[in-house]
Amino acid sequence: MIVTLFLAVTLVLLLACANVGNLLLARAAARRHEIAVRLSLGGSRFRLVRQLLVGEHVAGAAVGGLVVWQWRW
């Protein structure tokens, strides 16, 4: 009984990890053209990396805020 439950939980976790990986790859593929254009227009790598990191942190903070809001509800 416990082994079956463990295998089911492991399968769900693997599917979730695969889904997150797929979403990250899709986002990177969509932003590839934007990054190429910014670099060709003379944007420095530092500014490009800074923009990408700030964008990810803002999205993460928004999701974290929603999680905290939902948790306190």
PDB file of N, CA and C in Angstrom:
ATOM      1  N   MET A   1       0.823  -1.193   0.000  1.00  0.00           N
ATOM      2  CA  MET A   1       0.000   0.000   0.000  1.00  0.00           C
ATOM      3  C   MET A   1       0.870   1.261   0.000  1.00  0.00           C
ATOM      4  N   ILE A   2       1.841   1.316   0.907  1.00  0.00           N
ATOM      5  CA  ILE A   2       2.681   2.508   1.025  1.00  0.00           C
ATOM      6  C   ILE A   2       3.600   2.649  -0.185  1.00  0.00           C
ATOM      7  N   VAL A   3       4.030   1.532  -0.741  1.00  0.00           N
ATOM      8  CA  VAL A   3       4.896   1.584  -1.924  1.00  0.00           C
ATOM      9  C   VAL A   3       4.120   2.137  -3.117  1.00  0.00           C
ATOM     10  N   THR A   4       2.888   1.742  -3.264  1.00  0.00           N
ATOM     11  CA  THR A   4       2.058   2.251  -4.350  1.00  0.00           C
ATOM     12  C   THR A   4       1.851   3.753  -4.213  1.00  0.00           C
ATOM     13  N   LEU A   5       1.590   4.197  -3.007  1.00  0.00           N
ATOM     14  CA  LEU A   5       1.425   5.628  -2.756  1.00  0.00           C
ATOM     15  C   LEU A   5       2.714   6.382  -3.061  1.00  0.00           C
ATOM     16  N   PHE A   6       3.850   5.836  -2.642  1.00  0.00           N
ATOM     17  CA  PHE A   6       5.138   6.458  -2.914  1.00  0.00           C
ATOM     18  C   PHE A   6       5.392   6.571  -4.416  1.00  0.00           C
ATOM     19  N   LEU A   7       5.069   5.521  -5.156  1.00  0.00           N
ATOM     20  CA  LEU A   7       5.266   5.559  -6.605  1.00  0.00           C
ATOM     21  C   LEU A   7       4.344   6.581  -7.268  1.00  0.00           C
ATOM     22  N   ALA A   8       3.123   6.699  -6.784  1.00  0.00           N
ATOM     23  CA  ALA A   8       2.195   7.677  -7.346  1.00  0.00           C
ATOM     24  C   ALA A   8       2.682   9.096  -7.081  1.00  0.00           C
ATOM     25  N   VAL A   9       3.153   9.356  -5.877  1.00  0.00           N
ATOM     26  CA  VAL A   9       3.660  10.693  -5.540  1.00  0.00           C
ATOM     27  C   VAL A   9       4.900  11.006  -6.362  1.00  0.00           C
ATOM     28  N   THR A  10       5.764  10.029  -6.543  1.00  0.00           N
ATOM     29  CA  THR A  10       6.968  10.220  -7.348  1.00  0.00           C
ATOM     30  C   THR A  10       6.610  10.533  -8.794  1.00  0.00           C
ATOM     31  N   LEU A  11       5.628   9.851  -9.328  1.00  0.00           N
ATOM     32  CA  LEU A  11       5.198  10.106 -10.699  1.00  0.00           C
ATOM     33  C   LEU A  11       4.633  11.519 -10.845  1.00  0.00           C
ATOM     34  N   VAL A  12       3.825  11.942  -9.892  1.00  0.00           N
ATOM     35  CA  VAL A  12       3.270  13.296  -9.945  1.00  0.00           C
ATOM     36  C   VAL A  12       4.383  14.332  -9.859  1.00  0.00           C
ATOM     37  N   LEU A  13       5.358  14.108  -8.995  1.00  0.00           N
ATOM     38  CA  LEU A  13       6.484  15.036  -8.871  1.00  0.00           C
ATOM     39  C   LEU A  13       7.297  15.093 -10.157  1.00  0.00           C
ATOM     40  N   LEU A  14       7.535  13.974 -10.780  1.00  0.00           N
ATOM     41  CA  LEU A  14       8.267  13.959 -12.051  1.00  0.00           C
ATOM     42  C   LEU A  14       7.499  14.699 -13.139  1.00  0.00           C
ATOM     43  N   LEU A  15       6.189  14.514 -13.192  1.00  0.00           N
ATOM     44  CA  LEU A  15       5.385  15.228 -14.180  1.00  0.00           C
ATOM     45  C   LEU A  15       5.410  16.734 -13.934  1.00  0.00           C
ATOM     46  N   ALA A  16       5.363  17.133 -12.674  1.00  0.00           N
ATOM     47  CA  ALA A  16       5.416  18.564 -12.357  1.00  0.00           C
ATOM     48  C   ALA A  16       6.765  19.156 -12.748  1.00  0.00           C
ATOM     49  N   CYS A  17       7.839  18.444 -12.467  1.00  0.00           N
ATOM     50  CA  CYS A  17       9.170  18.935 -12.839  1.00  0.00           C
ATOM     51  C   CYS A  17       9.322  19.031 -14.356  1.00  0.00           C
ATOM     52  N   ALA A  18       8.806  18.053 -15.071  1.00  0.00           N
ATOM     53  CA  ALA A  18       8.869  18.099 -16.537  1.00  0.00           C
ATOM     54  C   ALA A  18       8.055  19.275 -17.073  1.00  0.00           C
ATOM     55  N   ASN A  19       6.924  19.543 -16.468  1.00  0.00           N
ATOM     56  CA  ASN A  19       6.080  20.650 -16.900  1.00  0.00           C
ATOM     57  C   ASN A  19       6.784  21.988 -16.672  1.00  0.00           C
ATOM     58  N   VAL A  20       7.400  22.163 -15.521  1.00  0.00           N
ATOM     59  CA  VAL A  20       8.125  23.405 -15.228  1.00  0.00           C
ATOM     60  C   VAL A  20       9.290  23.573 -16.195  1.00  0.00           C
ATOM     61  N   GLY A  21      10.022  22.502 -16.441  1.00  0.00           N
ATOM     62  CA  GLY A  21      11.126  22.568 -17.396  1.00  0.00           C
ATOM     63  C   GLY A  21      10.659  22.950 -18.786  1.00  0.00           C
ATOM     64  N   ASN A  22       9.536  22.398 -19.211  1.00  0.00           N
ATOM     65  CA  ASN A  22       8.983  22.732 -20.518  1.00  0.00           C
ATOM     66  C   ASN A  22       8.565  24.195 -20.584  1.00  0.00           C
ATOM     67  N   LEU A  23       7.952  24.703 -19.527  1.00  0.00           N
ATOM     68  CA  LEU A  23       7.557  26.113 -19.503  1.00  0.00           C
ATOM     69  C   LEU A  23       8.777  27.037 -19.556  1.00  0.00           C
ATOM     70  N   LEU A  24       9.840  26.686 -18.848  1.00  0.00           N
ATOM     71  CA  LEU A  24      11.054  27.502 -18.879  1.00  0.00           C
ATOM     72  C   LEU A  24      11.700  27.505 -20.263  1.00  0.00           C
ATOM     73  N   LEU A  25      11.710  26.352 -20.909  1.00  0.00           N
ATOM     74  CA  LEU A  25      12.265  26.287 -22.267  1.00  0.00           C
ATOM     75  C   LEU A  25      11.424  27.090 -23.250  1.00  0.00           C
ATOM     76  N   ALA A  26      10.123  27.041 -23.114  1.00  0.00           N
ATOM     77  CA  ALA A  26       9.253  27.805 -24.014  1.00  0.00           C
ATOM     78  C   ALA A  26       9.461  29.301 -23.811  1.00  0.00           C
ATOM     79  N   ARG A  27       9.611  29.731 -22.565  1.00  0.00           N
ATOM     80  CA  ARG A  27       9.835  31.155 -22.301  1.00  0.00           C
ATOM     81  C   ARG A  27      11.178  31.597 -22.877  1.00  0.00           C
ATOM     82  N   ALA A  28      12.201  30.772 -22.718  1.00  0.00           N
ATOM     83  CA  ALA A  28      13.518  31.121 -23.247  1.00  0.00           C
ATOM     84  C   ALA A  28      13.493  31.196 -24.770  1.00  0.00           C
ATOM     85  N   ALA A  29      12.777  30.281 -25.405  1.00  0.00           N
ATOM     86  CA  ALA A  29      12.687  30.302 -26.873  1.00  0.00           C
ATOM     87  C   ALA A  29      11.951  31.546 -27.352  1.00  0.00           C
ATOM     88  N   ALA A  30      10.950  31.971 -26.608  1.00  0.00           N
ATOM     89  CA  ALA A  30      10.193  33.155 -27.005  1.00  0.00           C
ATOM     90  C   ALA A  30      11.017  34.431 -26.842  1.00  0.00           C
ATOM     91  N   ARG A  31      11.904  34.453 -25.869  1.00  0.00           N
ATOM     92  CA  ARG A  31      12.695  35.659 -25.621  1.00  0.00           C
ATOM     93  C   ARG A  31      13.989  35.688 -26.417  1.00  0.00           C
ATOM     94  N   ARG A  32      14.294  34.611 -27.125  1.00  0.00           N
ATOM     95  CA  ARG A  32      15.551  34.538 -27.873  1.00  0.00           C
ATOM     96  C   ARG A  32      15.651  35.647 -28.911  1.00  0.00           C
ATOM     97  N   HIS A  33      14.580  35.889 -29.634  1.00  0.00           N
ATOM     98  CA  HIS A  33      14.580  36.937 -30.662  1.00  0.00           C
ATOM     99  C   HIS A  33      14.747  38.314 -30.021  1.00  0.00           C
ATOM    100  N   GLU A  34      14.051  38.555 -28.943  1.00  0.00           N
ATOM    101  CA  GLU A  34      14.170  39.846 -28.255  1.00  0.00           C
ATOM    102  C   GLU A  34      15.604  40.097 -27.791  1.00  0.00           C
ATOM    103  N   ILE A  35      16.235  39.088 -27.243  1.00  0.00           N
ATOM    104  CA  ILE A  35      17.614  39.236 -26.770  1.00  0.00           C
ATOM    105  C   ILE A  35      18.548  39.527 -27.938  1.00  0.00           C
ATOM    106  N   ALA A  36      18.350  38.832 -29.069  1.00  0.00           N
ATOM    107  CA  ALA A  36      19.193  39.062 -30.240  1.00  0.00           C
ATOM    108  C   ALA A  36      19.036  40.485 -30.759  1.00  0.00           C
ATOM    109  N   VAL A  37      17.818  40.995 -30.775  1.00  0.00           N
ATOM    110  CA  VAL A  37      17.587  42.363 -31.247  1.00  0.00           C
ATOM    111  C   VAL A  37      18.243  43.364 -30.304  1.00  0.00           C
ATOM    112  N   ARG A  38      18.090  43.172 -29.015  1.00  0.00           N
ATOM    113  CA  ARG A  38      18.694  44.102 -28.053  1.00  0.00           C
ATOM    114  C   ARG A  38      20.222  44.117 -28.162  1.00  0.00           C
ATOM    115  N   LEU A  39      20.817  42.943 -28.349  1.00  0.00           N
ATOM    116  CA  LEU A  39      22.268  42.885 -28.505  1.00  0.00           C
ATOM    117  C   LEU A  39      22.713  43.549 -29.808  1.00  0.00           C
ATOM    118  N   SER A  40      21.951  43.349 -30.880  1.00  0.00           N
ATOM    119  CA  SER A  40      22.339  43.936 -32.164  1.00  0.00           C
ATOM    120  C   SER A  40      22.177  45.454 -32.173  1.00  0.00           C
ATOM    121  N   LEU A  41      21.291  45.970 -31.347  1.00  0.00           N
ATOM    122  CA  LEU A  41      21.112  47.417 -31.267  1.00  0.00           C
ATOM    123  C   LEU A  41      22.125  48.078 -30.330  1.00  0.00           C
ATOM    124  N   GLY A  42      23.015  47.287 -29.768  1.00  0.00           N
ATOM    125  CA  GLY A  42      24.092  47.862 -28.974  1.00  0.00           C
ATOM    126  C   GLY A  42      23.915  47.754 -27.472  1.00  0.00           C
ATOM    127  N   GLY A  43      22.944  47.003 -27.046  1.00  0.00           N
ATOM    128  CA  GLY A  43      22.759  46.823 -25.608  1.00  0.00           C
ATOM    129  C   GLY A  43      23.900  46.003 -25.023  1.00  0.00           C
ATOM    130  N   SER A  44      24.392  46.423 -23.880  1.00  0.00           N
ATOM    131  CA  SER A  44      25.493  45.678 -23.267  1.00  0.00           C
ATOM    132  C   SER A  44      24.959  44.404 -22.617  1.00  0.00           C
ATOM    133  N   ARG A  45      25.830  43.449 -22.464  1.00  0.00           N
ATOM    134  CA  ARG A  45      25.435  42.190 -21.836  1.00  0.00           C
ATOM    135  C   ARG A  45      25.021  42.418 -20.383  1.00  0.00           C
ATOM    136  N   PHE A  46      25.696  43.354 -19.720  1.00  0.00           N
ATOM    137  CA  PHE A  46      25.348  43.649 -18.327  1.00  0.00           C
ATOM    138  C   PHE A  46      23.914  44.147 -18.222  1.00  0.00           C
ATOM    139  N   ARG A  47      23.534  45.078 -19.087  1.00  0.00           N
ATOM    140  CA  ARG A  47      22.168  45.617 -19.040  1.00  0.00           C
ATOM    141  C   ARG A  47      21.142  44.555 -19.398  1.00  0.00           C
ATOM    142  N   LEU A  48      21.495  43.688 -20.352  1.00  0.00           N
ATOM    143  CA  LEU A  48      20.584  42.629 -20.748  1.00  0.00           C
ATOM    144  C   LEU A  48      20.376  41.631 -19.608  1.00  0.00           C
ATOM    145  N   VAL A  49      21.456  41.231 -18.971  1.00  0.00           N
ATOM    146  CA  VAL A  49      21.353  40.305 -17.841  1.00  0.00           C
ATOM    147  C   VAL A  49      20.585  40.953 -16.695  1.00  0.00           C
ATOM    148  N   ARG A  50      20.854  42.224 -16.445  1.00  0.00           N
ATOM    149  CA  ARG A  50      20.152  42.931 -15.379  1.00  0.00           C
ATOM    150  C   ARG A  50      18.656  42.981 -15.659  1.00  0.00           C
ATOM    151  N   GLN A  51      18.286  43.256 -16.901  1.00  0.00           N
ATOM    152  CA  GLN A  51      16.866  43.304 -17.260  1.00  0.00           C
ATOM    153  C   GLN A  51      16.215  41.943 -17.058  1.00  0.00           C
ATOM    154  N   LEU A  52      16.870  40.887 -17.495  1.00  0.00           N
ATOM    155  CA  LEU A  52      16.298  39.552 -17.350  1.00  0.00           C
ATOM    156  C   LEU A  52      16.151  39.170 -15.876  1.00  0.00           C
ATOM    157  N   LEU A  53      17.160  39.481 -15.070  1.00  0.00           N
ATOM    158  CA  LEU A  53      17.088  39.142 -13.653  1.00  0.00           C
ATOM    159  C   LEU A  53      16.005  39.937 -12.935  1.00  0.00           C
ATOM    160  N   VAL A  54      15.896  41.223 -13.249  1.00  0.00           N
ATOM    161  CA  VAL A  54      14.863  42.047 -12.607  1.00  0.00           C
ATOM    162  C   VAL A  54      13.481  41.541 -13.003  1.00  0.00           C
ATOM    163  N   GLY A  55      13.304  41.183 -14.266  1.00  0.00           N
ATOM    164  CA  GLY A  55      12.010  40.662 -14.713  1.00  0.00           C
ATOM    165  C   GLY A  55      11.633  39.379 -13.997  1.00  0.00           C
ATOM    166  N   GLU A  56      12.598  38.494 -13.821  1.00  0.00           N
ATOM    167  CA  GLU A  56      12.323  37.240 -13.122  1.00  0.00           C
ATOM    168  C   GLU A  56      12.025  37.477 -11.643  1.00  0.00           C
ATOM    169  N   HIS A  57      12.742  38.417 -11.034  1.00  0.00           N
ATOM    170  CA  HIS A  57      12.496  38.698  -9.619  1.00  0.00           C
ATOM    171  C   HIS A  57      11.136  39.353  -9.400  1.00  0.00           C
ATOM    172  N   VAL A  58      10.741  40.221 -10.305  1.00  0.00           N
ATOM    173  CA  VAL A  58       9.421  40.855 -10.186  1.00  0.00           C
ATOM    174  C   VAL A  58       8.325  39.797 -10.320  1.00  0.00           C
ATOM    175  N   ALA A  59       8.479  38.902 -11.283  1.00  0.00           N
ATOM    176  CA  ALA A  59       7.485  37.837 -11.453  1.00  0.00           C
ATOM    177  C   ALA A  59       7.457  36.929 -10.226  1.00  0.00           C
ATOM    178  N   GLY A  60       8.618  36.600  -9.704  1.00  0.00           N
ATOM    179  CA  GLY A  60       8.679  35.755  -8.510  1.00  0.00           C
ATOM    180  C   GLY A  60       8.063  36.428  -7.293  1.00  0.00           C
ATOM    181  N   ALA A  61       8.298  37.722  -7.153  1.00  0.00           N
ATOM    182  CA  ALA A  61       7.715  38.454  -6.025  1.00  0.00           C
ATOM    183  C   ALA A  61       6.203  38.533  -6.153  1.00  0.00           C
ATOM    184  N   ALA A  62       5.710  38.700  -7.378  1.00  0.00           N
ATOM    185  CA  ALA A  62       4.262  38.747  -7.584  1.00  0.00           C
ATOM    186  C   ALA A  62       3.622  37.403  -7.231  1.00  0.00           C
ATOM    187  N   VAL A  63       4.229  36.342  -7.667  1.00  0.00           N
ATOM    188  CA  VAL A  63       3.695  35.017  -7.347  1.00  0.00           C
ATOM    189  C   VAL A  63       3.785  34.762  -5.847  1.00  0.00           C
ATOM    190  N   GLY A  64       4.897  35.153  -5.240  1.00  0.00           N
ATOM    191  CA  GLY A  64       5.030  34.989  -3.797  1.00  0.00           C
ATOM    192  C   GLY A  64       3.980  35.781  -3.036  1.00  0.00           C
ATOM    193  N   GLY A  65       3.705  36.993  -3.506  1.00  0.00           N
ATOM    194  CA  GLY A  65       2.663  37.796  -2.875  1.00  0.00           C
ATOM    195  C   GLY A  65       1.291  37.153  -2.994  1.00  0.00           C
ATOM    196  N   LEU A  66       1.012  36.581  -4.162  1.00  0.00           N
ATOM    197  CA  LEU A  66      -0.263  35.882  -4.332  1.00  0.00           C
ATOM    198  C   LEU A  66      -0.366  34.655  -3.436  1.00  0.00           C
ATOM    199  N   VAL A  67       0.738  33.949  -3.277  1.00  0.00           N
ATOM    200  CA  VAL A  67       0.729  32.768  -2.405  1.00  0.00           C
ATOM    201  C   VAL A  67       0.481  33.178  -0.961  1.00  0.00           C
ATOM    202  N   VAL A  68       1.152  34.223  -0.506  1.00  0.00           N
ATOM    203  CA  VAL A  68       0.953  34.688   0.867  1.00  0.00           C
ATOM    204  C   VAL A  68      -0.470  35.186   1.053  1.00  0.00           C
ATOM    205  N   TRP A  69      -0.987  35.921   0.081  1.00  0.00           N
ATOM    206  CA  TRP A  69      -2.356  36.414   0.177  1.00  0.00           C
ATOM    207  C   TRP A  69      -3.348  35.253   0.247  1.00  0.00           C
ATOM    208  N   GLN A  70      -3.148  34.241  -0.592  1.00  0.00           N
ATOM    209  CA  GLN A  70      -4.034  33.079  -0.589  1.00  0.00           C
ATOM    210  C   GLN A  70      -3.912  32.307   0.718  1.00  0.00           C
ATOM    211  N   TRP A  71      -2.711  32.200   1.242  1.00  0.00           N
ATOM    212  CA  TRP A  71      -2.485  31.468   2.484  1.00  0.00           C
ATOM    213  C   TRP A  71      -3.177  32.142   3.659  1.00  0.00           C
ATOM    214  N   ARG A  72      -3.159  33.477   3.677  1.00  0.00           N
ATOM    215  CA  ARG A  72      -3.780  34.211   4.775  1.00  0.00           C
ATOM    216  C   ARG A  72      -5.292  34.265   4.631  1.00  0.00           C
ATOM    217  N   TRP A  73      -5.812  33.978   3.465  1.00  0.00           N
ATOM    218  CA  TRP A  73      -7.237  34.029   3.219  1.00  0.00           C
ATOM    219  C   TRP A  73      -7.887  32.997   4.055  1.00  0.00           C
TER     220      TRP A  73
END
